[in-house]
Amino acid sequence: MREETEHGEVLTHEYIPDYQSLTETDEPLINCTIWEKGHIARNLLPNKILVFILSGSICVTLDTGTQYIIGSDCMIYVPADCYYKLEVLEKARCLQFCLNGHTSIYACSPDGYNKCRHDVKHIPDNNKYILNIKPILQPFIDMLLMYIQSGIDCRQLYQVKIQELFYILNTTYSKQELSFFFYHDAR
């Protein structure tokens, strides 16, 4: 489905719910979106969003004043109640996860990666919010895209898949990497 906004921006959605439903629901959702080059979005997110950039590149500016240029095979974490500006530099395909509650609820171990956060004295700016997508995540991503493209719309399934994602993250990335990535969740 293609939409053109009043400003001539073209959006293509591969998933039935629109982006507004992604941020207004009480349940986690997964969404795949294609943004055309030049698309600009600004918003204050009430929920946490985890975005996998599958292709293309985007520039994200957060209310902290920090700007990130993110290419394919990277993920960015946008905390709740964070104002952001997103500008598409090169046509981008993104897989978005809307997370509710504290991200530690998805952690595998009882103390999760939050215990590691207490030992963190300084977090370099280039380590906040962004992680490279490791190859072991690709089958998981492909499966989710297949569900979305097939029109599967089951909240319970996507809740389990988000939990599975955190199991994969916790076994693939170090606690320190995840502490940096989700740092702003515990501030």
C-alpha atoms as a PDB file:
ATOM      1  CA  MET A   1       0.000   0.000   0.000  1.00  0.00           C
ATOM      2  CA  ARG A   2       1.355   3.449  -0.932  1.00  0.00           C
ATOM      3  CA  GLU A   3       0.329   6.682   0.731  1.00  0.00           C
ATOM      4  CA  GLU A   4       1.236  10.244  -0.078  1.00  0.00           C
ATOM      5  CA  THR A   5       1.108  12.777   2.736  1.00  0.00           C
ATOM      6  CA  GLU A   6       0.016  16.386   2.334  1.00  0.00           C
ATOM      7  CA  HIS A   7       3.715  17.306   1.989  1.00  0.00           C
ATOM      8  CA  GLY A   8       4.272  14.864  -0.887  1.00  0.00           C
ATOM      9  CA  GLU A   9       6.075  12.263   1.243  1.00  0.00           C
ATOM     10  CA  VAL A  10       5.527   8.712   0.025  1.00  0.00           C
ATOM     11  CA  LEU A  11       5.115   5.894   2.524  1.00  0.00           C
ATOM     12  CA  THR A  12       4.807   2.203   1.781  1.00  0.00           C
ATOM     13  CA  HIS A  13       3.482  -0.153   4.461  1.00  0.00           C
ATOM     14  CA  GLU A  14       3.771  -3.927   4.307  1.00  0.00           C
ATOM     15  CA  TYR A  15       1.705  -4.571   7.433  1.00  0.00           C
ATOM     16  CA  ILE A  16      -1.980  -3.886   7.925  1.00  0.00           C
ATOM     17  CA  PRO A  17      -1.871  -1.741  11.121  1.00  0.00           C
ATOM     18  CA  ASP A  18      -0.619   1.796  10.554  1.00  0.00           C
ATOM     19  CA  TYR A  19       2.188   3.406  12.522  1.00  0.00           C
ATOM     20  CA  GLN A  20      -0.281   5.177  14.798  1.00  0.00           C
ATOM     21  CA  SER A  21      -1.591   1.812  16.006  1.00  0.00           C
ATOM     22  CA  LEU A  22       1.999   0.810  16.771  1.00  0.00           C
ATOM     23  CA  THR A  23       2.345   3.580  19.349  1.00  0.00           C
ATOM     24  CA  GLU A  24      -1.173   3.629  20.813  1.00  0.00           C
ATOM     25  CA  THR A  25      -1.648  -0.011  21.720  1.00  0.00           C
ATOM     26  CA  ASP A  26      -1.105  -1.630  25.096  1.00  0.00           C
ATOM     27  CA  GLU A  27       0.347  -4.688  23.386  1.00  0.00           C
ATOM     28  CA  PRO A  28       3.698  -5.070  21.665  1.00  0.00           C
ATOM     29  CA  LEU A  29       3.521  -5.026  17.883  1.00  0.00           C
ATOM     30  CA  ILE A  30       5.873  -5.718  15.017  1.00  0.00           C
ATOM     31  CA  ASN A  31       5.700  -3.631  11.867  1.00  0.00           C
ATOM     32  CA  CYS A  32       7.634  -3.553   8.592  1.00  0.00           C
ATOM     33  CA  THR A  33       7.792  -0.217   6.800  1.00  0.00           C
ATOM     34  CA  ILE A  34       9.466   1.086   3.678  1.00  0.00           C
ATOM     35  CA  TRP A  35      10.342   4.774   3.764  1.00  0.00           C
ATOM     36  CA  GLU A  36      11.212   6.618   0.557  1.00  0.00           C
ATOM     37  CA  LYS A  37      14.300   8.847   0.338  1.00  0.00           C
ATOM     38  CA  GLY A  38      13.569  12.288   1.754  1.00  0.00           C
ATOM     39  CA  HIS A  39      10.788  11.114   4.097  1.00  0.00           C
ATOM     40  CA  ILE A  40      10.883  13.030   7.384  1.00  0.00           C
ATOM     41  CA  ALA A  41       9.057  12.041  10.566  1.00  0.00           C
ATOM     42  CA  ARG A  42       8.967  13.814  13.921  1.00  0.00           C
ATOM     43  CA  ASN A  43       7.208  12.578  16.998  1.00  0.00           C
ATOM     44  CA  LEU A  44       7.183  12.009  20.726  1.00  0.00           C
ATOM     45  CA  LEU A  45       6.931   8.273  21.304  1.00  0.00           C
ATOM     46  CA  PRO A  46       4.889   7.078  24.290  1.00  0.00           C
ATOM     47  CA  ASN A  47       6.369   3.556  23.931  1.00  0.00           C
ATOM     48  CA  LYS A  48       9.835   2.172  23.432  1.00  0.00           C
ATOM     49  CA  ILE A  49      10.684   1.342  19.830  1.00  0.00           C
ATOM     50  CA  LEU A  50      13.379  -1.004  18.576  1.00  0.00           C
ATOM     51  CA  VAL A  51      14.059  -0.537  14.853  1.00  0.00           C
ATOM     52  CA  PHE A  52      16.077  -2.864  12.634  1.00  0.00           C
ATOM     53  CA  ILE A  53      17.309  -1.111   9.469  1.00  0.00           C
ATOM     54  CA  LEU A  54      17.174  -3.915   6.865  1.00  0.00           C
ATOM     55  CA  SER A  55      18.229  -1.785   3.886  1.00  0.00           C
ATOM     56  CA  GLY A  56      18.951   1.848   3.108  1.00  0.00           C
ATOM     57  CA  SER A  57      20.027   4.497   5.571  1.00  0.00           C
ATOM     58  CA  ILE A  58      18.379   6.941   7.937  1.00  0.00           C
ATOM     59  CA  CYS A  59      19.446   9.872  10.081  1.00  0.00           C
ATOM     60  CA  VAL A  60      17.900   9.953  13.556  1.00  0.00           C
ATOM     61  CA  THR A  61      18.147  12.912  15.922  1.00  0.00           C
ATOM     62  CA  LEU A  62      16.991  12.310  19.487  1.00  0.00           C
ATOM     63  CA  ASP A  63      15.940  14.905  22.049  1.00  0.00           C
ATOM     64  CA  THR A  64      19.366  14.510  23.643  1.00  0.00           C
ATOM     65  CA  GLY A  65      20.683  16.401  20.607  1.00  0.00           C
ATOM     66  CA  THR A  66      22.585  13.343  19.453  1.00  0.00           C
ATOM     67  CA  GLN A  67      22.382  12.538  15.765  1.00  0.00           C
ATOM     68  CA  TYR A  68      22.966   9.091  14.319  1.00  0.00           C
ATOM     69  CA  ILE A  69      23.360   8.058  10.706  1.00  0.00           C
ATOM     70  CA  ILE A  70      22.354   4.422  10.562  1.00  0.00           C
ATOM     71  CA  GLY A  71      22.800   2.088   7.627  1.00  0.00           C
ATOM     72  CA  SER A  72      21.503  -1.354   6.899  1.00  0.00           C
ATOM     73  CA  ASP A  73      22.188  -4.208   9.277  1.00  0.00           C
ATOM     74  CA  CYS A  74      21.977  -1.957  12.338  1.00  0.00           C
ATOM     75  CA  MET A  75      19.351  -1.539  15.012  1.00  0.00           C
ATOM     76  CA  ILE A  76      18.470   1.547  17.012  1.00  0.00           C
ATOM     77  CA  TYR A  77      16.618   1.799  20.297  1.00  0.00           C
ATOM     78  CA  VAL A  78      14.388   4.815  20.932  1.00  0.00           C
ATOM     79  CA  PRO A  79      13.313   5.103  24.587  1.00  0.00           C
ATOM     80  CA  ALA A  80       9.753   5.977  25.610  1.00  0.00           C
ATOM     81  CA  ASP A  81       8.820   9.651  25.918  1.00  0.00           C
ATOM     82  CA  CYS A  82      11.691  10.573  23.628  1.00  0.00           C
ATOM     83  CA  TYR A  83      11.204  13.172  20.912  1.00  0.00           C
ATOM     84  CA  TYR A  84      12.871  12.137  17.680  1.00  0.00           C
ATOM     85  CA  LYS A  85      13.348  13.343  14.129  1.00  0.00           C
ATOM     86  CA  LEU A  86      13.919  10.743  11.437  1.00  0.00           C
ATOM     87  CA  GLU A  87      15.111  11.599   7.941  1.00  0.00           C
ATOM     88  CA  VAL A  88      15.504   8.937   5.262  1.00  0.00           C
ATOM     89  CA  LEU A  89      18.802   9.369   3.412  1.00  0.00           C
ATOM     90  CA  GLU A  90      18.404   6.333   1.165  1.00  0.00           C
ATOM     91  CA  LYS A  91      15.175   4.355   0.649  1.00  0.00           C
ATOM     92  CA  ALA A  92      14.941   2.282   3.813  1.00  0.00           C
ATOM     93  CA  ARG A  93      13.165  -0.904   4.817  1.00  0.00           C
ATOM     94  CA  CYS A  94      12.756  -1.210   8.576  1.00  0.00           C
ATOM     95  CA  LEU A  95      11.395  -3.774  11.004  1.00  0.00           C
ATOM     96  CA  GLN A  96       9.962  -2.043  14.085  1.00  0.00           C
ATOM     97  CA  PHE A  97       9.194  -3.503  17.484  1.00  0.00           C
ATOM     98  CA  CYS A  98       6.934  -1.554  19.836  1.00  0.00           C
ATOM     99  CA  LEU A  99       7.896  -2.536  23.379  1.00  0.00           C
ATOM    100  CA  ASN A 100       5.790  -1.884  26.463  1.00  0.00           C
ATOM    101  CA  GLY A 101       7.008  -2.037  30.028  1.00  0.00           C
ATOM    102  CA  HIS A 102      10.634  -2.116  31.080  1.00  0.00           C
ATOM    103  CA  THR A 103      12.869  -3.950  28.613  1.00  0.00           C
ATOM    104  CA  SER A 104      14.229  -6.045  31.481  1.00  0.00           C
ATOM    105  CA  ILE A 105      10.935  -7.976  31.465  1.00  0.00           C
ATOM    106  CA  TYR A 106      12.214  -9.529  28.252  1.00  0.00           C
ATOM    107  CA  ALA A 107      15.607 -10.472  29.709  1.00  0.00           C
ATOM    108  CA  CYS A 108      16.446 -14.164  29.984  1.00  0.00           C
ATOM    109  CA  SER A 109      18.249 -14.199  33.293  1.00  0.00           C
ATOM    110  CA  PRO A 110      16.630 -13.063  36.548  1.00  0.00           C
ATOM    111  CA  ASP A 111      18.932 -10.056  36.880  1.00  0.00           C
ATOM    112  CA  GLY A 112      19.030  -9.443  33.121  1.00  0.00           C
ATOM    113  CA  TYR A 113      21.559  -6.997  31.765  1.00  0.00           C
ATOM    114  CA  ASN A 114      20.446  -4.298  34.180  1.00  0.00           C
ATOM    115  CA  LYS A 115      22.801  -5.544  36.902  1.00  0.00           C
ATOM    116  CA  CYS A 116      25.730  -4.748  34.628  1.00  0.00           C
ATOM    117  CA  ARG A 117      24.464  -1.161  34.302  1.00  0.00           C
ATOM    118  CA  HIS A 118      25.421  -0.346  37.913  1.00  0.00           C
ATOM    119  CA  ASP A 119      29.092  -0.796  37.040  1.00  0.00           C
ATOM    120  CA  VAL A 120      28.927   1.512  34.032  1.00  0.00           C
ATOM    121  CA  LYS A 121      30.801   4.755  34.754  1.00  0.00           C
ATOM    122  CA  HIS A 122      30.881   6.279  31.277  1.00  0.00           C
ATOM    123  CA  ILE A 123      29.088   5.302  28.120  1.00  0.00           C
ATOM    124  CA  PRO A 124      30.684   6.536  24.897  1.00  0.00           C
ATOM    125  CA  ASP A 125      28.150   8.377  22.709  1.00  0.00           C
ATOM    126  CA  ASN A 126      28.784   6.075  19.765  1.00  0.00           C
ATOM    127  CA  ASN A 127      27.689   3.067  21.830  1.00  0.00           C
ATOM    128  CA  LYS A 128      24.293   4.423  22.871  1.00  0.00           C
ATOM    129  CA  TYR A 129      21.156   3.339  21.073  1.00  0.00           C
ATOM    130  CA  ILE A 130      22.816   1.463  18.162  1.00  0.00           C
ATOM    131  CA  LEU A 131      23.954  -2.130  17.673  1.00  0.00           C
ATOM    132  CA  ASN A 132      25.004  -3.971  14.547  1.00  0.00           C
ATOM    133  CA  ILE A 133      22.638  -6.766  13.599  1.00  0.00           C
ATOM    134  CA  LYS A 134      24.583  -9.999  13.951  1.00  0.00           C
ATOM    135  CA  PRO A 135      24.112 -12.709  11.274  1.00  0.00           C
ATOM    136  CA  ILE A 136      22.484 -15.095  13.759  1.00  0.00           C
ATOM    137  CA  LEU A 137      19.462 -12.736  13.848  1.00  0.00           C
ATOM    138  CA  GLN A 138      18.836 -13.058  10.088  1.00  0.00           C
ATOM    139  CA  PRO A 139      16.708 -16.254  10.208  1.00  0.00           C
ATOM    140  CA  PHE A 140      14.599 -14.664  12.966  1.00  0.00           C
ATOM    141  CA  ILE A 141      14.134 -11.489  10.895  1.00  0.00           C
ATOM    142  CA  ASP A 142      13.301 -13.495   7.754  1.00  0.00           C
ATOM    143  CA  MET A 143      10.672 -15.489   9.630  1.00  0.00           C
ATOM    144  CA  LEU A 144       9.012 -12.321  10.978  1.00  0.00           C
ATOM    145  CA  LEU A 145       8.976 -10.768   7.507  1.00  0.00           C
ATOM    146  CA  MET A 146       7.344 -13.918   6.147  1.00  0.00           C
ATOM    147  CA  TYR A 147       4.643 -13.708   8.870  1.00  0.00           C
ATOM    148  CA  ILE A 148       4.007 -10.036   8.093  1.00  0.00           C
ATOM    149  CA  GLN A 149       3.942 -10.542   4.311  1.00  0.00           C
ATOM    150  CA  SER A 150       1.532 -13.462   4.769  1.00  0.00           C
ATOM    151  CA  GLY A 151      -0.846 -11.199   6.685  1.00  0.00           C
ATOM    152  CA  ILE A 152      -0.560 -12.988  10.020  1.00  0.00           C
ATOM    153  CA  ASP A 153      -2.023 -10.604  12.594  1.00  0.00           C
ATOM    154  CA  CYS A 154      -1.824 -12.342  15.968  1.00  0.00           C
ATOM    155  CA  ARG A 155      -0.789 -10.258  18.979  1.00  0.00           C
ATOM    156  CA  GLN A 156      -0.014 -13.316  21.102  1.00  0.00           C
ATOM    157  CA  LEU A 157       2.359 -14.642  18.428  1.00  0.00           C
ATOM    158  CA  TYR A 158       4.143 -11.286  18.192  1.00  0.00           C
ATOM    159  CA  GLN A 159       4.404 -11.051  21.989  1.00  0.00           C
ATOM    160  CA  VAL A 160       6.161 -14.421  22.008  1.00  0.00           C
ATOM    161  CA  LYS A 161       8.386 -13.343  19.091  1.00  0.00           C
ATOM    162  CA  ILE A 162       9.442 -10.199  20.954  1.00  0.00           C
ATOM    163  CA  GLN A 163      10.299 -12.334  23.970  1.00  0.00           C
ATOM    164  CA  GLU A 164      12.223 -14.679  21.658  1.00  0.00           C
ATOM    165  CA  LEU A 165      14.087 -11.675  20.243  1.00  0.00           C
ATOM    166  CA  PHE A 166      15.278 -10.796  23.736  1.00  0.00           C
ATOM    167  CA  TYR A 167      16.416 -14.365  24.324  1.00  0.00           C
ATOM    168  CA  ILE A 168      18.462 -14.100  21.127  1.00  0.00           C
ATOM    169  CA  LEU A 169      19.832 -10.667  22.088  1.00  0.00           C
ATOM    170  CA  ASN A 170      20.806 -11.938  25.543  1.00  0.00           C
ATOM    171  CA  THR A 171      22.674 -14.912  24.122  1.00  0.00           C
ATOM    172  CA  THR A 172      24.256 -13.056  21.189  1.00  0.00           C
ATOM    173  CA  TYR A 173      25.369  -9.742  22.701  1.00  0.00           C
ATOM    174  CA  SER A 174      27.330  -9.185  25.902  1.00  0.00           C
ATOM    175  CA  LYS A 175      25.624  -7.779  28.973  1.00  0.00           C
ATOM    176  CA  GLN A 176      27.777  -4.684  28.610  1.00  0.00           C
ATOM    177  CA  GLU A 177      26.643  -4.132  24.988  1.00  0.00           C
ATOM    178  CA  LEU A 178      22.997  -4.501  26.021  1.00  0.00           C
ATOM    179  CA  SER A 179      23.514  -2.262  29.060  1.00  0.00           C
ATOM    180  CA  PHE A 180      24.826   0.464  26.766  1.00  0.00           C
ATOM    181  CA  PHE A 181      22.082  -0.127  24.193  1.00  0.00           C
ATOM    182  CA  PHE A 182      19.213   0.016  26.711  1.00  0.00           C
ATOM    183  CA  TYR A 183      20.951   2.416  29.101  1.00  0.00           C
ATOM    184  CA  HIS A 184      18.278   5.102  28.970  1.00  0.00           C
ATOM    185  CA  ASP A 185      15.640   2.642  30.120  1.00  0.00           C
ATOM    186  CA  ALA A 186      16.952   2.746  33.694  1.00  0.00           C
ATOM    187  CA  ARG A 187      17.767   6.421  34.062  1.00  0.00           C
END
